Amino acid sequence: MVDRSRGVPPPRPERIEVIDDETARIYASKSGAERLALASAMVASARRMLESHLRVEHPDWSEAALRREVARRIAGGAL
């Protein structure tokens, strides 16, 4: 089933990762700014990995096409 408002399928329970209690405690101890910095670093890392993957899969794509596809995928297909 696809959520028509977002255009993406709902998450599958077997693919949802649950953090352990210790990891949750560590994140809870961080300030809002620290958590935001961590989230930003994770998105930047995902963007770099995705861009590297797409470069290998589509060596003929222009930089603009590559940036558009990375943005589309990071946005969950919302673009």
PDB file of N, CA and C in Angstrom:
ATOM      1  N   MET A   1       0.833  -1.180   0.000  1.00  0.00           N
ATOM      2  CA  MET A   1       0.000   0.000   0.000  1.00  0.00           C
ATOM      3  C   MET A   1       0.878   1.245   0.000  1.00  0.00           C
ATOM      4  N   VAL A   2       0.537   2.226  -0.832  1.00  0.00           N
ATOM      5  CA  VAL A   2       1.314   3.458  -0.955  1.00  0.00           C
ATOM      6  C   VAL A   2       0.542   4.592  -0.317  1.00  0.00           C
ATOM      7  N   ASP A   3       1.242   5.382   0.510  1.00  0.00           N
ATOM      8  CA  ASP A   3       0.654   6.583   1.099  1.00  0.00           C
ATOM      9  C   ASP A   3       0.569   7.618  -0.013  1.00  0.00           C
ATOM     10  N   ARG A   4      -0.623   7.839  -0.524  1.00  0.00           N
ATOM     11  CA  ARG A   4      -0.803   8.736  -1.675  1.00  0.00           C
ATOM     12  C   ARG A   4      -0.416  10.176  -1.368  1.00  0.00           C
ATOM     13  N   SER A   5      -0.495  10.585  -0.111  1.00  0.00           N
ATOM     14  CA  SER A   5      -0.142  11.963   0.220  1.00  0.00           C
ATOM     15  C   SER A   5       1.351  12.210   0.078  1.00  0.00           C
ATOM     16  N   ARG A   6       2.164  11.168   0.251  1.00  0.00           N
ATOM     17  CA  ARG A   6       3.611  11.320   0.122  1.00  0.00           C
ATOM     18  C   ARG A   6       4.175  10.589  -1.085  1.00  0.00           C
ATOM     19  N   GLY A   7       3.412   9.675  -1.641  1.00  0.00           N
ATOM     20  CA  GLY A   7       3.884   8.948  -2.810  1.00  0.00           C
ATOM     21  C   GLY A   7       4.911   7.874  -2.507  1.00  0.00           C
ATOM     22  N   VAL A   8       5.012   7.452  -1.250  1.00  0.00           N
ATOM     23  CA  VAL A   8       5.975   6.413  -0.887  1.00  0.00           C
ATOM     24  C   VAL A   8       5.254   5.303  -0.133  1.00  0.00           C
ATOM     25  N   PRO A   9       5.748   4.074  -0.255  1.00  0.00           N
ATOM     26  CA  PRO A   9       5.115   2.983   0.481  1.00  0.00           C
ATOM     27  C   PRO A   9       5.373   3.144   1.975  1.00  0.00           C
ATOM     28  N   PRO A  10       4.492   2.601   2.816  1.00  0.00           N
ATOM     29  CA  PRO A  10       4.719   2.683   4.260  1.00  0.00           C
ATOM     30  C   PRO A  10       5.938   1.848   4.645  1.00  0.00           C
ATOM     31  N   PRO A  11       6.568   2.168   5.774  1.00  0.00           N
ATOM     32  CA  PRO A  11       7.736   1.374   6.183  1.00  0.00           C
ATOM     33  C   PRO A  11       7.346  -0.067   6.487  1.00  0.00           C
ATOM     34  N   ARG A  12       8.248  -0.975   6.168  1.00  0.00           N
ATOM     35  CA  ARG A  12       8.015  -2.386   6.470  1.00  0.00           C
ATOM     36  C   ARG A  12       8.620  -2.676   7.842  1.00  0.00           C
ATOM     37  N   PRO A  13       7.857  -3.284   8.743  1.00  0.00           N
ATOM     38  CA  PRO A  13       8.356  -3.530  10.111  1.00  0.00           C
ATOM     39  C   PRO A  13       9.695  -4.257  10.149  1.00  0.00           C
ATOM     40  N   GLU A  14       9.927  -5.173   9.237  1.00  0.00           N
ATOM     41  CA  GLU A  14      11.187  -5.926   9.266  1.00  0.00           C
ATOM     42  C   GLU A  14      12.392  -5.083   8.845  1.00  0.00           C
ATOM     43  N   ARG A  15      12.149  -3.875   8.334  1.00  0.00           N
ATOM     44  CA  ARG A  15      13.247  -3.016   7.906  1.00  0.00           C
ATOM     45  C   ARG A  15      13.480  -1.847   8.852  1.00  0.00           C
ATOM     46  N   ILE A  16      12.672  -1.723   9.893  1.00  0.00           N
ATOM     47  CA  ILE A  16      12.831  -0.633  10.837  1.00  0.00           C
ATOM     48  C   ILE A  16      13.890  -1.022  11.864  1.00  0.00           C
ATOM     49  N   GLU A  17      14.900  -0.181  12.008  1.00  0.00           N
ATOM     50  CA  GLU A  17      15.951  -0.448  12.973  1.00  0.00           C
ATOM     51  C   GLU A  17      15.582   0.198  14.300  1.00  0.00           C
ATOM     52  N   VAL A  18      15.821  -0.519  15.371  1.00  0.00           N
ATOM     53  CA  VAL A  18      15.535  -0.021  16.709  1.00  0.00           C
ATOM     54  C   VAL A  18      16.867   0.142  17.430  1.00  0.00           C
ATOM     55  N   ILE A  19      17.079   1.322  18.012  1.00  0.00           N
ATOM     56  CA  ILE A  19      18.336   1.518  18.730  1.00  0.00           C
ATOM     57  C   ILE A  19      18.237   0.900  20.114  1.00  0.00           C
ATOM     58  N   ASP A  20      19.378   0.490  20.626  1.00  0.00           N
ATOM     59  CA  ASP A  20      19.385  -0.117  21.947  1.00  0.00           C
ATOM     60  C   ASP A  20      19.296   0.967  23.021  1.00  0.00           C
ATOM     61  N   ASP A  21      19.055   0.550  24.250  1.00  0.00           N
ATOM     62  CA  ASP A  21      18.840   1.487  25.352  1.00  0.00           C
ATOM     63  C   ASP A  21      20.052   2.388  25.594  1.00  0.00           C
ATOM     64  N   GLU A  22      21.249   1.833  25.495  1.00  0.00           N
ATOM     65  CA  GLU A  22      22.462   2.629  25.740  1.00  0.00           C
ATOM     66  C   GLU A  22      22.608   3.727  24.689  1.00  0.00           C
ATOM     67  N   THR A  23      22.379   3.381  23.422  1.00  0.00           N
ATOM     68  CA  THR A  23      22.446   4.378  22.359  1.00  0.00           C
ATOM     69  C   THR A  23      21.390   5.461  22.579  1.00  0.00           C
ATOM     70  N   ALA A  24      20.198   5.058  22.975  1.00  0.00           N
ATOM     71  CA  ALA A  24      19.132   6.023  23.246  1.00  0.00           C
ATOM     72  C   ALA A  24      19.538   6.956  24.376  1.00  0.00           C
ATOM     73  N   ARG A  25      20.169   6.416  25.431  1.00  0.00           N
ATOM     74  CA  ARG A  25      20.621   7.258  26.546  1.00  0.00           C
ATOM     75  C   ARG A  25      21.671   8.263  26.085  1.00  0.00           C
ATOM     76  N   ILE A  26      22.587   7.810  25.221  1.00  0.00           N
ATOM     77  CA  ILE A  26      23.637   8.709  24.724  1.00  0.00           C
ATOM     78  C   ILE A  26      23.011   9.849  23.933  1.00  0.00           C
ATOM     79  N   TYR A  27      22.094   9.539  23.024  1.00  0.00           N
ATOM     80  CA  TYR A  27      21.444  10.594  22.244  1.00  0.00           C
ATOM     81  C   TYR A  27      20.626  11.521  23.139  1.00  0.00           C
ATOM     82  N   ALA A  28      19.963  10.963  24.141  1.00  0.00           N
ATOM     83  CA  ALA A  28      19.147  11.787  25.039  1.00  0.00           C
ATOM     84  C   ALA A  28      20.005  12.744  25.855  1.00  0.00           C
ATOM     85  N   SER A  29      21.254  12.378  26.098  1.00  0.00           N
ATOM     86  CA  SER A  29      22.136  13.235  26.883  1.00  0.00           C
ATOM     87  C   SER A  29      22.701  14.398  26.066  1.00  0.00           C
ATOM     88  N   LYS A  30      22.553  14.354  24.763  1.00  0.00           N
ATOM     89  CA  LYS A  30      23.069  15.412  23.887  1.00  0.00           C
ATOM     90  C   LYS A  30      22.134  16.616  23.910  1.00  0.00           C
ATOM     91  N   SER A  31      22.704  17.772  23.691  1.00  0.00           N
ATOM     92  CA  SER A  31      21.877  18.975  23.575  1.00  0.00           C
ATOM     93  C   SER A  31      21.176  18.960  22.216  1.00  0.00           C
ATOM     94  N   GLY A  32      20.201  19.807  22.077  1.00  0.00           N
ATOM     95  CA  GLY A  32      19.511  19.903  20.793  1.00  0.00           C
ATOM     96  C   GLY A  32      20.472  20.237  19.663  1.00  0.00           C
ATOM     97  N   ALA A  33      21.409  21.139  19.930  1.00  0.00           N
ATOM     98  CA  ALA A  33      22.399  21.521  18.899  1.00  0.00           C
ATOM     99  C   ALA A  33      23.285  20.343  18.530  1.00  0.00           C
ATOM    100  N   GLU A  34      23.669  19.538  19.534  1.00  0.00           N
ATOM    101  CA  GLU A  34      24.506  18.367  19.251  1.00  0.00           C
ATOM    102  C   GLU A  34      23.740  17.334  18.430  1.00  0.00           C
ATOM    103  N   ARG A  35      22.467  17.107  18.770  1.00  0.00           N
ATOM    104  CA  ARG A  35      21.668  16.152  17.996  1.00  0.00           C
ATOM    105  C   ARG A  35      21.463  16.645  16.575  1.00  0.00           C
ATOM    106  N   LEU A  36      21.252  17.947  16.416  1.00  0.00           N
ATOM    107  CA  LEU A  36      21.097  18.510  15.078  1.00  0.00           C
ATOM    108  C   LEU A  36      22.385  18.351  14.267  1.00  0.00           C
ATOM    109  N   ALA A  37      23.523  18.578  14.907  1.00  0.00           N
ATOM    110  CA  ALA A  37      24.811  18.404  14.219  1.00  0.00           C
ATOM    111  C   ALA A  37      25.008  16.952  13.795  1.00  0.00           C
ATOM    112  N   LEU A  38      24.642  16.004  14.670  1.00  0.00           N
ATOM    113  CA  LEU A  38      24.752  14.585  14.319  1.00  0.00           C
ATOM    114  C   LEU A  38      23.842  14.240  13.142  1.00  0.00           C
ATOM    115  N   ALA A  39      22.624  14.730  13.181  1.00  0.00           N
ATOM    116  CA  ALA A  39      21.684  14.456  12.090  1.00  0.00           C
ATOM    117  C   ALA A  39      22.201  15.038  10.780  1.00  0.00           C
ATOM    118  N   SER A  40      22.732  16.243  10.847  1.00  0.00           N
ATOM    119  CA  SER A  40      23.280  16.881   9.648  1.00  0.00           C
ATOM    120  C   SER A  40      24.449  16.075   9.080  1.00  0.00           C
ATOM    121  N   ALA A  41      25.307  15.592   9.961  1.00  0.00           N
ATOM    122  CA  ALA A  41      26.446  14.787   9.513  1.00  0.00           C
ATOM    123  C   ALA A  41      25.975  13.474   8.882  1.00  0.00           C
ATOM    124  N   MET A  42      24.919  12.881   9.442  1.00  0.00           N
ATOM    125  CA  MET A  42      24.388  11.632   8.874  1.00  0.00           C
ATOM    126  C   MET A  42      23.801  11.863   7.489  1.00  0.00           C
ATOM    127  N   VAL A  43      23.085  12.966   7.310  1.00  0.00           N
ATOM    128  CA  VAL A  43      22.515  13.272   5.995  1.00  0.00           C
ATOM    129  C   VAL A  43      23.638  13.526   4.996  1.00  0.00           C
ATOM    130  N   ALA A  44      24.664  14.269   5.406  1.00  0.00           N
ATOM    131  CA  ALA A  44      25.796  14.541   4.508  1.00  0.00           C
ATOM    132  C   ALA A  44      26.490  13.239   4.111  1.00  0.00           C
ATOM    133  N   SER A  45      26.648  12.328   5.068  1.00  0.00           N
ATOM    134  CA  SER A  45      27.276  11.037   4.775  1.00  0.00           C
ATOM    135  C   SER A  45      26.424  10.235   3.800  1.00  0.00           C
ATOM    136  N   ALA A  46      25.110  10.195   4.035  1.00  0.00           N
ATOM    137  CA  ALA A  46      24.211   9.474   3.131  1.00  0.00           C
ATOM    138  C   ALA A  46      24.260  10.066   1.734  1.00  0.00           C
ATOM    139  N   ARG A  47      24.308  11.385   1.661  1.00  0.00           N
ATOM    140  CA  ARG A  47      24.380  12.069   0.364  1.00  0.00           C
ATOM    141  C   ARG A  47      25.655  11.677  -0.377  1.00  0.00           C
ATOM    142  N   ARG A  48      26.797  11.670   0.330  1.00  0.00           N
ATOM    143  CA  ARG A  48      28.070  11.297  -0.309  1.00  0.00           C
ATOM    144  C   ARG A  48      28.047   9.848  -0.794  1.00  0.00           C
ATOM    145  N   MET A  49      27.522   8.951   0.042  1.00  0.00           N
ATOM    146  CA  MET A  49      27.468   7.537  -0.361  1.00  0.00           C
ATOM    147  C   MET A  49      26.554   7.345  -1.562  1.00  0.00           C
ATOM    148  N   LEU A  50      25.415   7.998  -1.544  1.00  0.00           N
ATOM    149  CA  LEU A  50      24.471   7.886  -2.655  1.00  0.00           C
ATOM    150  C   LEU A  50      25.072   8.465  -3.931  1.00  0.00           C
ATOM    151  N   GLU A  51      25.726   9.611  -3.809  1.00  0.00           N
ATOM    152  CA  GLU A  51      26.347  10.223  -4.985  1.00  0.00           C
ATOM    153  C   GLU A  51      27.418   9.306  -5.568  1.00  0.00           C
ATOM    154  N   SER A  52      28.227   8.691  -4.718  1.00  0.00           N
ATOM    155  CA  SER A  52      29.262   7.764  -5.196  1.00  0.00           C
ATOM    156  C   SER A  52      28.637   6.574  -5.911  1.00  0.00           C
ATOM    157  N   HIS A  53      27.575   6.036  -5.331  1.00  0.00           N
ATOM    158  CA  HIS A  53      26.885   4.906  -5.950  1.00  0.00           C
ATOM    159  C   HIS A  53      26.329   5.293  -7.324  1.00  0.00           C
ATOM    160  N   LEU A  54      25.681   6.441  -7.384  1.00  0.00           N
ATOM    161  CA  LEU A  54      25.081   6.863  -8.653  1.00  0.00           C
ATOM    162  C   LEU A  54      26.138   7.153  -9.717  1.00  0.00           C
ATOM    163  N   ARG A  55      27.285   7.676  -9.316  1.00  0.00           N
ATOM    164  CA  ARG A  55      28.369   7.923 -10.286  1.00  0.00           C
ATOM    165  C   ARG A  55      28.821   6.629 -10.943  1.00  0.00           C
ATOM    166  N   VAL A  56      28.877   5.551 -10.152  1.00  0.00           N
ATOM    167  CA  VAL A  56      29.295   4.249 -10.691  1.00  0.00           C
ATOM    168  C   VAL A  56      28.191   3.677 -11.576  1.00  0.00           C
ATOM    169  N   GLU A  57      26.951   3.773 -11.111  1.00  0.00           N
ATOM    170  CA  GLU A  57      25.824   3.222 -11.853  1.00  0.00           C
ATOM    171  C   GLU A  57      25.506   3.999 -13.134  1.00  0.00           C
ATOM    172  N   HIS A  58      25.770   5.299 -13.140  1.00  0.00           N
ATOM    173  CA  HIS A  58      25.414   6.159 -14.273  1.00  0.00           C
ATOM    174  C   HIS A  58      26.566   7.106 -14.627  1.00  0.00           C
ATOM    175  N   PRO A  59      27.674   6.561 -15.127  1.00  0.00           N
ATOM    176  CA  PRO A  59      28.840   7.411 -15.426  1.00  0.00           C
ATOM    177  C   PRO A  59      28.567   8.462 -16.498  1.00  0.00           C
ATOM    178  N   ASP A  60      27.513   8.292 -17.256  1.00  0.00           N
ATOM    179  CA  ASP A  60      27.193   9.223 -18.336  1.00  0.00           C
ATOM    180  C   ASP A  60      26.348  10.409 -17.864  1.00  0.00           C
ATOM    181  N   TRP A  61      25.878  10.402 -16.625  1.00  0.00           N
ATOM    182  CA  TRP A  61      25.029  11.489 -16.134  1.00  0.00           C
ATOM    183  C   TRP A  61      25.837  12.761 -15.911  1.00  0.00           C
ATOM    184  N   SER A  62      25.208  13.896 -16.190  1.00  0.00           N
ATOM    185  CA  SER A  62      25.839  15.192 -15.918  1.00  0.00           C
ATOM    186  C   SER A  62      25.813  15.449 -14.406  1.00  0.00           C
ATOM    187  N   GLU A  63      26.612  16.430 -13.977  1.00  0.00           N
ATOM    188  CA  GLU A  63      26.608  16.805 -12.556  1.00  0.00           C
ATOM    189  C   GLU A  63      25.217  17.261 -12.119  1.00  0.00           C
ATOM    190  N   ALA A  64      24.544  18.001 -12.980  1.00  0.00           N
ATOM    191  CA  ALA A  64      23.202  18.494 -12.648  1.00  0.00           C
ATOM    192  C   ALA A  64      22.223  17.327 -12.482  1.00  0.00           C
ATOM    193  N   ALA A  65      22.298  16.360 -13.383  1.00  0.00           N
ATOM    194  CA  ALA A  65      21.404  15.198 -13.289  1.00  0.00           C
ATOM    195  C   ALA A  65      21.703  14.402 -12.025  1.00  0.00           C
ATOM    196  N   LEU A  66      22.974  14.271 -11.712  1.00  0.00           N
ATOM    197  CA  LEU A  66      23.381  13.558 -10.511  1.00  0.00           C
ATOM    198  C   LEU A  66      22.843  14.268  -9.265  1.00  0.00           C
ATOM    199  N   ARG A  67      23.001  15.569  -9.184  1.00  0.00           N
ATOM    200  CA  ARG A  67      22.505  16.342  -8.035  1.00  0.00           C
ATOM    201  C   ARG A  67      20.988  16.241  -7.903  1.00  0.00           C
ATOM    202  N   ARG A  68      20.294  16.285  -9.038  1.00  0.00           N
ATOM    203  CA  ARG A  68      18.831  16.165  -8.991  1.00  0.00           C
ATOM    204  C   ARG A  68      18.399  14.807  -8.437  1.00  0.00           C
ATOM    205  N   GLU A  69      19.056  13.743  -8.890  1.00  0.00           N
ATOM    206  CA  GLU A  69      18.680  12.402  -8.439  1.00  0.00           C
ATOM    207  C   GLU A  69      19.019  12.203  -6.964  1.00  0.00           C
ATOM    208  N   VAL A  70      20.160  12.700  -6.527  1.00  0.00           N
ATOM    209  CA  VAL A  70      20.507  12.613  -5.113  1.00  0.00           C
ATOM    210  C   VAL A  70      19.461  13.357  -4.292  1.00  0.00           C
ATOM    211  N   ALA A  71      19.113  14.563  -4.690  1.00  0.00           N
ATOM    212  CA  ALA A  71      18.105  15.346  -3.965  1.00  0.00           C
ATOM    213  C   ALA A  71      16.766  14.643  -3.944  1.00  0.00           C
ATOM    214  N   ARG A  72      16.379  14.057  -5.064  1.00  0.00           N
ATOM    215  CA  ARG A  72      15.094  13.364  -5.135  1.00  0.00           C
ATOM    216  C   ARG A  72      15.070  12.182  -4.181  1.00  0.00           C
ATOM    217  N   ARG A  73      16.138  11.417  -4.161  1.00  0.00           N
ATOM    218  CA  ARG A  73      16.170  10.243  -3.297  1.00  0.00           C
ATOM    219  C   ARG A  73      16.270  10.615  -1.822  1.00  0.00           C
ATOM    220  N   ILE A  74      17.053  11.625  -1.508  1.00  0.00           N
ATOM    221  CA  ILE A  74      17.159  12.072  -0.119  1.00  0.00           C
ATOM    222  C   ILE A  74      15.815  12.588   0.370  1.00  0.00           C
ATOM    223  N   ALA A  75      15.073  13.217  -0.523  1.00  0.00           N
ATOM    224  CA  ALA A  75      13.745  13.752  -0.168  1.00  0.00           C
ATOM    225  C   ALA A  75      12.689  12.650  -0.156  1.00  0.00           C
ATOM    226  N   GLY A  76      13.059  11.416  -0.355  1.00  0.00           N
ATOM    227  CA  GLY A  76      12.117  10.304  -0.333  1.00  0.00           C
ATOM    228  C   GLY A  76      11.228  10.267  -1.563  1.00  0.00           C
ATOM    229  N   GLY A  77      11.736  10.763  -2.681  1.00  0.00           N
ATOM    230  CA  GLY A  77      10.967  10.744  -3.914  1.00  0.00           C
ATOM    231  C   GLY A  77       9.925  11.851  -3.991  1.00  0.00           C
ATOM    232  N   ALA A  78       9.989  12.806  -3.045  1.00  0.00           N
ATOM    233  CA  ALA A  78       8.998  13.866  -3.000  1.00  0.00           C
ATOM    234  C   ALA A  78       9.238  14.950  -4.040  1.00  0.00           C
ATOM    235  N   LEU A  79      10.395  14.962  -4.663  1.00  0.00           N
ATOM    236  CA  LEU A  79      10.697  15.998  -5.656  1.00  0.00           C
ATOM    237  C   LEU A  79      10.264  15.588  -7.033  1.00  0.00           C
TER     238      LEU A  79
END
